[in-house]
Amino acid sequence: MECFHTRDWADESFAITEAARTMYCVMHGSSCDLTSGARNISAEYPDPNEAVLKERLKRAGVRLAQLLDTAFLN
């Protein structure tokens, strides 16, 4: 089972937003500048990002289970 801290999760998610294929932002040097459609995610958004979305949901479920196990078993 993976052991991550919430900071690691946030960093992992931010790295995904920086990726060109997610179409969230455009990198200019070290700046992740929002694209014009970044805040208005259309119905077509999941199509090219389906694999990323599914993976993020799976990881979220595992991580939530870990947090709940830790909270209620200790």
Protein backbone atom coordinates (compact mmCIF):
# COMPACT_ATOMS: atom_id res chain seq x y z
CA MET A 1 0.00 0.00 0.00
CA GLU A 2 1.31 3.45 -0.90
CA CYS A 3 2.05 5.80 1.95
CA PHE A 4 1.76 9.44 0.99
CA HIS A 5 1.19 12.66 2.80
CA THR A 6 -1.36 15.21 1.66
CA ARG A 7 1.43 17.51 0.45
CA ASP A 8 2.64 14.72 -1.86
CA TRP A 9 -0.90 14.30 -3.19
CA ALA A 10 -1.18 18.01 -3.91
CA ASP A 11 2.22 18.08 -5.65
CA GLU A 12 1.22 15.06 -7.73
CA SER A 13 -2.03 16.74 -8.78
CA PHE A 14 -0.27 20.00 -9.62
CA ALA A 15 2.19 18.14 -11.84
CA ILE A 16 -0.79 16.78 -13.78
CA THR A 17 -2.20 20.28 -14.28
CA GLU A 18 1.15 21.36 -15.74
CA ALA A 19 1.08 18.59 -18.36
CA ALA A 20 0.19 19.90 -21.80
CA ARG A 21 -2.21 17.02 -22.50
CA THR A 22 -4.59 18.01 -19.68
CA MET A 23 -5.11 21.42 -21.33
CA TYR A 24 -5.39 23.10 -17.93
CA CYS A 25 -2.56 25.58 -18.33
CA VAL A 26 0.23 26.62 -20.66
CA MET A 27 3.73 26.63 -19.22
CA HIS A 28 5.71 29.84 -19.65
CA GLY A 29 9.00 29.16 -17.91
CA SER A 30 8.02 28.06 -14.42
CA SER A 31 4.60 29.73 -14.62
CA CYS A 32 1.49 27.62 -15.24
CA ASP A 33 -0.82 30.14 -16.95
CA LEU A 34 -4.46 29.13 -17.23
CA THR A 35 -5.80 28.57 -20.71
CA SER A 36 -8.97 30.34 -21.81
CA GLY A 37 -11.07 27.20 -21.27
CA ALA A 38 -9.39 26.00 -18.07
CA ARG A 39 -12.21 26.99 -15.75
CA ASN A 40 -15.01 26.02 -18.12
CA ILE A 41 -14.52 22.31 -18.52
CA SER A 42 -16.72 21.11 -21.35
CA ALA A 43 -18.30 17.71 -21.88
CA GLU A 44 -15.40 16.86 -24.23
CA TYR A 45 -12.74 17.41 -21.54
CA PRO A 46 -12.81 13.84 -20.17
CA ASP A 47 -12.23 12.27 -23.59
CA PRO A 48 -8.48 12.90 -23.96
CA ASN A 49 -8.02 12.82 -20.17
CA GLU A 50 -10.04 9.70 -19.39
CA ALA A 51 -7.04 7.60 -18.34
CA VAL A 52 -5.78 10.37 -16.04
CA LEU A 53 -9.24 10.87 -14.52
CA LYS A 54 -9.71 7.14 -13.86
CA GLU A 55 -6.26 6.81 -12.30
CA ARG A 56 -6.82 9.83 -10.04
CA LEU A 57 -10.15 8.44 -8.85
CA LYS A 58 -8.60 5.03 -8.10
CA ARG A 59 -5.76 6.60 -6.15
CA ALA A 60 -8.18 8.82 -4.26
CA GLY A 61 -10.18 5.76 -3.19
CA VAL A 62 -7.09 3.92 -1.96
CA ARG A 63 -5.81 6.98 -0.13
CA LEU A 64 -9.17 7.64 1.49
CA ALA A 65 -9.29 4.01 2.64
CA GLN A 66 -5.82 4.41 4.17
CA LEU A 67 -6.85 7.56 6.01
CA LEU A 68 -10.01 5.91 7.34
CA ASP A 69 -8.10 2.80 8.41
CA THR A 70 -5.58 4.95 10.25
CA ALA A 71 -8.28 7.05 11.89
CA PHE A 72 -10.48 4.18 13.04
CA LEU A 73 -8.04 1.33 13.68
CA ASN A 74 -5.55 3.22 15.83
